Amino acid sequence: MKQIYVLHENDEWVEPLRTAFRDRDLPFVEWFLDTGVVDLAAMPPDGVFYNRMSASSHTRGHRYGPEYAAAVLSWLEQHGRRVLNGRLALTLEVSKVAQYAALEAHGVRTPRTIAVIGRDEIIEAARGLPTPFITKHNRAGKGLGVRLFRDTDALTRYVESDAFEPSVDGMTLLQEYIEAPEPCITRVEFVGGRFLYAVRVDTSHGFELCPADACRVSPDNDDFCPAGTAADSLFQIVEGFAHPLLQQYEAVLAASDIHIAGIEFIDDRGGVPYTYDINTNTNYNSEAEAVAGCSGMGAIAEYLGRELAAVTPGRE
């Protein structure tokens, strides 16, 4: 029997999708990609394969999850299976440099960014950036490594200290700081490559923001995510959202073989938008959706159901 296969490394993030599948009586199986074996000569099962591998998998002890996922996706695509968010999508998920290149290729403005490997090189490269500026990880997720620096002296003290936090792939990004008129960003959600809704996110508590319900833990815990603060007021779905970027975003997703994603941008004080993140392992905030009367995971389940219905079993 053909089924929907969900490839992931985080059980908690998948729970709302499980509920959406069950509510719609859709057959599904989960492949937890942490450790395992890929026999390239074996025939994959029939169905639709939805990749939800995250760039932040290493923060949950799954250091080689993305590499394992890349092997599995290569195997599935080799055998002609229907894969959503395939190998090219994964390439963008784990590299902001790749994201910015894809965005700029379609005329989408991104912040000026310098990619650096090496502590001494970080300090030297920063001297060419106007202040203030930020650092972030190339392979990140959840806003990992985002720090604001007012001058290169502050950066030097940080880089030369034990507090320095390297990116898991060794690449640190230096990026111009976009000063917004108010502390918020906009995240635009897409399912099936088409616009679903936009959410306004309050960043006054920082940028390590994940809309997933599973991120709600105690602020006394090191894993604290501001998404879980009182009333979840940091997330608000924007009614009737329209923006010139939507058409460009859809073109970027189509060219990158991305079917499901959230894309984030910030407006500067002059109202100019800068796009800085494509998240192919998108999550949603249930309280914000309840207020707006919509469901991202529901939309994903229905999209996957349609894709499953179109699959002809036994074909390679």
Protein backbone atom coordinates (compact mmCIF):
# COMPACT_ATOMS: atom_id res chain seq x y z
CA MET A 1 0.00 0.00 0.00
CA LYS A 2 1.30 3.41 -0.91
CA GLN A 3 1.76 5.77 2.03
CA ILE A 4 3.06 9.19 3.03
CA TYR A 5 6.58 8.94 4.47
CA VAL A 6 7.76 11.74 6.77
CA LEU A 7 11.55 12.01 7.05
CA HIS A 8 12.61 13.87 10.20
CA GLU A 9 14.71 13.93 13.40
CA ASN A 10 12.41 15.63 15.90
CA ASP A 11 9.41 13.70 17.27
CA GLU A 12 7.84 16.68 19.01
CA TRP A 13 7.77 18.84 15.89
CA VAL A 14 5.90 16.12 13.99
CA GLU A 15 3.10 15.65 16.53
CA PRO A 16 0.75 18.29 15.00
CA LEU A 17 1.27 16.71 11.57
CA ARG A 18 0.41 13.26 12.96
CA THR A 19 -2.85 14.70 14.26
CA ALA A 20 -3.60 16.28 10.89
CA PHE A 21 -3.00 12.97 9.09
CA ARG A 22 -5.22 11.04 11.50
CA ASP A 23 -8.01 13.61 11.26
CA ARG A 24 -7.99 13.06 7.48
CA ASP A 25 -7.50 9.27 7.57
CA LEU A 26 -4.27 9.52 5.60
CA PRO A 27 -1.83 6.58 5.77
CA PHE A 28 1.61 7.67 6.93
CA VAL A 29 4.92 6.31 8.19
CA GLU A 30 7.77 8.14 9.90
CA TRP A 31 11.45 7.64 9.12
CA PHE A 32 13.56 8.98 11.96
CA LEU A 33 16.87 9.93 10.33
CA ASP A 34 19.54 9.81 13.00
CA THR A 35 21.38 6.55 12.41
CA GLY A 36 20.63 3.82 9.89
CA VAL A 37 21.51 2.03 6.68
CA VAL A 38 20.83 2.94 3.04
CA ASP A 39 21.06 0.07 0.57
CA LEU A 40 21.26 1.86 -2.78
CA ALA A 41 20.27 -1.30 -4.66
CA ALA A 42 17.08 -1.82 -2.65
CA MET A 43 13.74 -0.65 -4.03
CA PRO A 44 12.03 2.08 -1.97
CA PRO A 45 8.39 1.58 -1.04
CA ASP A 46 5.61 3.27 -3.00
CA GLY A 47 4.34 6.61 -1.80
CA VAL A 48 5.17 10.25 -1.24
CA PHE A 49 8.26 11.23 0.75
CA TYR A 50 8.22 14.50 2.69
CA ASN A 51 11.61 15.65 3.97
CA ARG A 52 11.57 17.59 7.25
CA MET A 53 15.25 17.39 8.13
CA SER A 54 16.32 20.46 10.13
CA ALA A 55 19.49 22.53 10.03
CA SER A 56 19.41 22.58 13.83
CA SER A 57 19.44 18.77 14.17
CA HIS A 58 22.90 18.89 15.78
CA THR A 59 21.44 20.77 18.76
CA ARG A 60 19.37 17.67 19.53
CA GLY A 61 22.30 15.26 19.29
CA HIS A 62 21.70 14.32 15.65
CA ARG A 63 24.92 15.71 14.21
CA TYR A 64 24.82 13.75 10.97
CA GLY A 65 21.07 13.85 10.39
CA PRO A 66 21.35 16.13 7.33
CA GLU A 67 24.09 13.99 5.80
CA TYR A 68 22.03 10.86 6.36
CA ALA A 69 18.96 12.58 4.91
CA ALA A 70 20.95 13.58 1.81
CA ALA A 71 21.85 9.92 1.22
CA VAL A 72 18.25 8.77 1.67
CA LEU A 73 16.94 11.50 -0.65
CA SER A 74 19.50 10.59 -3.30
CA TRP A 75 18.36 6.97 -3.09
CA LEU A 76 14.68 7.90 -3.35
CA GLU A 77 15.22 10.24 -6.27
CA GLN A 78 17.41 7.66 -8.01
CA HIS A 79 14.42 5.31 -8.01
CA GLY A 80 11.98 7.95 -9.21
CA ARG A 81 9.97 8.33 -6.04
CA ARG A 82 7.90 11.46 -5.44
CA VAL A 83 10.01 13.50 -3.01
CA LEU A 84 8.88 16.82 -1.54
CA ASN A 85 11.67 19.12 -0.32
CA GLY A 86 14.33 16.94 -1.91
CA ARG A 87 18.11 17.13 -2.16
CA LEU A 88 18.27 20.68 -3.50
CA ALA A 89 15.88 21.87 -0.80
CA LEU A 90 18.08 20.23 1.84
CA THR A 91 21.11 22.03 0.43
CA LEU A 92 19.41 25.34 1.12
CA GLU A 93 18.14 24.24 4.53
CA VAL A 94 21.67 23.65 5.83
CA SER A 95 23.39 26.66 4.21
CA LYS A 96 22.38 30.29 4.46
CA VAL A 97 24.99 31.09 1.82
CA ALA A 98 23.09 28.81 -0.58
CA GLN A 99 19.82 30.48 0.45
CA TYR A 100 21.11 33.97 -0.26
CA ALA A 101 22.49 32.91 -3.64
CA ALA A 102 19.11 31.45 -4.60
CA LEU A 103 17.25 34.55 -3.42
CA GLU A 104 19.56 37.02 -5.15
CA ALA A 105 19.32 35.01 -8.39
CA HIS A 106 15.62 35.92 -8.45
CA GLY A 107 16.09 39.57 -7.58
CA VAL A 108 15.29 39.22 -3.86
CA ARG A 109 17.37 41.59 -1.73
CA THR A 110 19.37 39.99 1.10
CA PRO A 111 21.56 41.67 3.74
CA ARG A 112 25.21 42.14 2.80
CA THR A 113 26.91 38.98 4.07
CA ILE A 114 30.50 37.76 4.41
CA ALA A 115 31.10 34.02 4.95
CA VAL A 116 34.19 33.23 7.02
CA ILE A 117 36.06 30.17 8.25
CA GLY A 118 38.68 30.77 10.95
CA ARG A 119 38.64 32.94 14.08
CA ASP A 120 41.36 35.35 12.94
CA GLU A 121 39.63 35.65 9.59
CA ILE A 122 36.35 36.62 11.28
CA ILE A 123 37.99 39.55 13.02
CA GLU A 124 39.80 40.71 9.89
CA ALA A 125 36.73 40.42 7.66
CA ALA A 126 34.64 42.42 10.12
CA ARG A 127 36.85 45.45 9.62
CA GLY A 128 35.29 45.84 6.17
CA LEU A 129 31.74 46.01 7.49
CA PRO A 130 30.02 49.16 8.74
CA THR A 131 28.84 48.98 12.35
CA PRO A 132 26.72 47.71 13.91
CA PHE A 133 26.70 44.20 12.40
CA ILE A 134 25.62 40.73 13.42
CA THR A 135 27.11 37.25 13.37
CA LYS A 136 25.16 34.08 12.67
CA HIS A 137 25.84 30.47 11.80
CA ASN A 138 25.76 29.29 8.21
CA ARG A 139 24.10 26.02 9.29
CA ALA A 140 21.76 27.21 11.97
CA GLY A 141 18.03 27.14 12.53
CA LYS A 142 16.30 28.73 15.55
CA GLY A 143 18.44 31.86 15.20
CA LEU A 144 21.59 30.04 16.34
CA GLY A 145 24.67 32.19 16.63
CA VAL A 146 22.87 35.50 16.10
CA ARG A 147 24.72 38.21 18.02
CA LEU A 148 24.76 41.97 17.58
CA PHE A 149 28.07 43.86 17.75
CA ARG A 150 28.43 47.62 17.95
CA ASP A 151 32.12 47.60 17.00
CA THR A 152 34.94 45.28 15.98
CA ASP A 153 36.53 45.48 19.45
CA ALA A 154 33.47 43.80 20.95
CA LEU A 155 33.60 41.14 18.24
CA THR A 156 37.30 40.54 18.88
CA ARG A 157 36.72 39.99 22.59
CA TYR A 158 33.94 37.53 21.79
CA VAL A 159 35.81 35.58 19.12
CA GLU A 160 38.92 35.28 21.29
CA SER A 161 36.95 34.13 24.35
CA ASP A 162 35.70 30.74 25.49
CA ALA A 163 32.17 32.00 24.85
CA PHE A 164 32.71 31.90 21.09
CA GLU A 165 30.16 29.59 19.52
CA PRO A 166 31.26 28.19 16.14
CA SER A 167 28.83 27.02 13.51
CA VAL A 168 28.61 23.24 13.22
CA ASP A 169 29.93 23.50 9.64
CA GLY A 170 32.73 25.84 10.71
CA MET A 171 31.37 28.82 8.76
CA THR A 172 30.44 32.05 10.54
CA LEU A 173 28.51 34.74 8.71
CA LEU A 174 29.12 38.44 9.24
CA GLN A 175 26.08 40.39 8.18
CA GLU A 176 24.97 43.99 8.04
CA TYR A 177 22.47 44.88 10.74
CA ILE A 178 19.07 45.86 9.37
CA GLU A 179 17.48 48.34 11.76
CA ALA A 180 13.71 48.05 11.66
CA PRO A 181 11.32 50.82 12.77
CA GLU A 182 9.85 48.35 15.28
CA PRO A 183 11.12 45.00 16.65
CA CYS A 184 9.36 42.59 14.33
CA ILE A 185 9.88 40.46 11.25
CA THR A 186 7.49 38.85 8.80
CA ARG A 187 7.44 35.12 8.10
CA VAL A 188 5.64 33.97 4.96
CA GLU A 189 4.43 30.37 4.78
CA PHE A 190 4.12 28.31 1.60
CA VAL A 191 2.56 24.89 1.03
CA GLY A 192 2.72 23.22 -2.36
CA GLY A 193 4.87 26.10 -3.49
CA ARG A 194 2.00 28.54 -3.02
CA PHE A 195 1.39 31.26 -0.44
CA LEU A 196 -0.55 30.10 2.62
CA TYR A 197 -0.35 32.97 5.10
CA ALA A 198 2.02 35.49 6.68
CA VAL A 199 2.78 35.87 10.37
CA ARG A 200 4.16 38.89 12.18
CA VAL A 201 6.76 37.92 14.76
CA ASP A 202 7.79 40.10 17.69
CA THR A 203 11.61 39.92 18.02
CA SER A 204 11.94 42.16 21.07
CA HIS A 205 13.07 39.13 23.12
CA GLY A 206 15.67 38.01 20.58
CA PHE A 207 15.92 36.01 17.38
CA GLU A 208 15.95 32.42 18.69
CA LEU A 209 12.32 32.12 17.74
CA CYS A 210 10.63 28.88 16.72
CA PRO A 211 6.85 28.92 16.32
CA ALA A 212 6.53 25.23 17.21
CA ASP A 213 4.40 24.43 20.26
CA ALA A 214 7.12 21.97 21.34
CA CYS A 215 9.49 24.88 21.95
CA ARG A 216 7.50 26.01 24.99
CA VAL A 217 9.74 25.20 27.92
CA SER A 218 10.77 26.98 31.08
CA PRO A 219 12.93 30.12 30.73
CA ASP A 220 15.11 28.57 33.43
CA ASN A 221 15.97 25.82 30.95
CA ASP A 222 18.87 26.31 28.54
CA ASP A 223 16.56 25.34 25.70
CA PHE A 224 14.16 28.21 26.39
CA CYS A 225 12.45 29.53 23.28
CA PRO A 226 10.59 32.88 23.46
CA ALA A 227 7.83 31.40 21.30
CA GLY A 228 6.26 30.11 24.48
CA THR A 229 5.78 33.34 26.41
CA ALA A 230 2.43 34.44 27.78
CA ALA A 231 -0.48 34.19 25.35
CA ASP A 232 2.00 33.50 22.51
CA SER A 233 1.47 37.14 21.51
CA LEU A 234 4.82 37.14 19.72
CA PHE A 235 3.10 35.47 16.74
CA GLN A 236 0.19 37.08 14.90
CA ILE A 237 -1.15 35.97 11.51
CA VAL A 238 -1.63 38.94 9.17
CA GLU A 239 -5.08 39.07 7.62
CA GLY A 240 -5.20 39.88 3.90
CA PHE A 241 -1.43 39.91 3.52
CA ALA A 242 -0.18 40.96 0.07
CA HIS A 243 3.36 41.85 -0.96
CA PRO A 244 5.38 42.12 -4.21
CA LEU A 245 7.83 39.59 -2.76
CA LEU A 246 5.31 36.75 -2.88
CA GLN A 247 5.71 36.14 -6.61
CA GLN A 248 9.50 36.23 -6.31
CA TYR A 249 9.44 33.85 -3.36
CA GLU A 250 7.33 31.35 -5.29
CA ALA A 251 9.84 31.51 -8.16
CA VAL A 252 12.73 30.85 -5.73
CA LEU A 253 10.94 27.86 -4.23
CA ALA A 254 10.11 26.39 -7.65
CA ALA A 255 13.71 26.73 -8.85
CA SER A 256 15.02 25.16 -5.62
CA ASP A 257 12.63 22.16 -5.60
CA ILE A 258 11.11 23.42 -2.34
CA HIS A 259 7.45 22.56 -1.85
CA ILE A 260 6.88 23.54 1.79
CA ALA A 261 8.73 26.39 3.53
CA GLY A 262 8.65 29.54 5.60
CA ILE A 263 10.58 32.60 4.38
CA GLU A 264 11.47 35.50 6.68
CA PHE A 265 12.12 39.15 5.87
CA ILE A 266 12.61 42.38 7.77
CA ASP A 267 11.88 45.97 6.68
CA ASP A 268 14.47 48.67 7.33
CA ARG A 269 13.54 52.16 8.48
CA GLY A 270 12.95 53.18 4.89
CA GLY A 271 10.51 50.33 4.33
CA VAL A 272 12.96 48.33 2.18
CA PRO A 273 12.56 44.56 2.76
CA TYR A 274 15.58 42.30 3.30
CA THR A 275 15.07 38.53 3.14
CA TYR A 276 17.37 36.53 5.39
CA ASP A 277 16.03 33.00 5.92
CA ILE A 278 14.39 30.09 4.10
CA ASN A 279 13.20 27.37 6.47
CA THR A 280 12.21 24.15 4.71
CA ASN A 281 11.33 22.48 8.03
CA THR A 282 8.62 24.94 8.83
CA ASN A 283 6.55 24.85 12.04
CA TYR A 284 3.46 26.76 13.04
CA ASN A 285 2.11 28.41 16.18
CA SER A 286 -1.21 26.80 17.12
CA GLU A 287 -2.53 29.73 19.20
CA ALA A 288 -1.94 32.22 16.37
CA GLU A 289 -3.63 29.83 13.95
CA ALA A 290 -6.58 29.32 16.30
CA VAL A 291 -7.17 33.07 16.39
CA ALA A 292 -6.96 33.32 12.59
CA GLY A 293 -8.95 30.14 11.96
CA CYS A 294 -6.35 28.31 9.84
CA SER A 295 -3.98 25.35 10.08
CA GLY A 296 -0.57 25.06 8.45
CA MET A 297 -0.19 21.38 9.32
CA GLY A 298 -3.69 20.77 8.05
CA ALA A 299 -2.77 22.40 4.75
CA ILE A 300 0.38 20.24 4.55
CA ALA A 301 -1.58 17.04 5.25
CA GLU A 302 -4.14 17.86 2.57
CA TYR A 303 -1.38 18.71 0.08
CA LEU A 304 0.42 15.44 0.80
CA GLY A 305 -2.86 13.57 0.49
CA ARG A 306 -3.37 14.99 -3.00
CA GLU A 307 0.18 14.10 -3.95
CA LEU A 308 -0.31 10.56 -2.64
CA ALA A 309 -3.49 10.11 -4.68
CA ALA A 310 -1.52 11.00 -7.83
CA VAL A 311 1.15 8.32 -7.24
CA THR A 312 0.98 5.21 -9.42
CA PRO A 313 2.28 2.21 -7.42
CA GLY A 314 5.05 0.04 -8.83
CA ARG A 315 6.53 2.63 -11.16
CA GLU A 316 10.22 3.57 -11.11
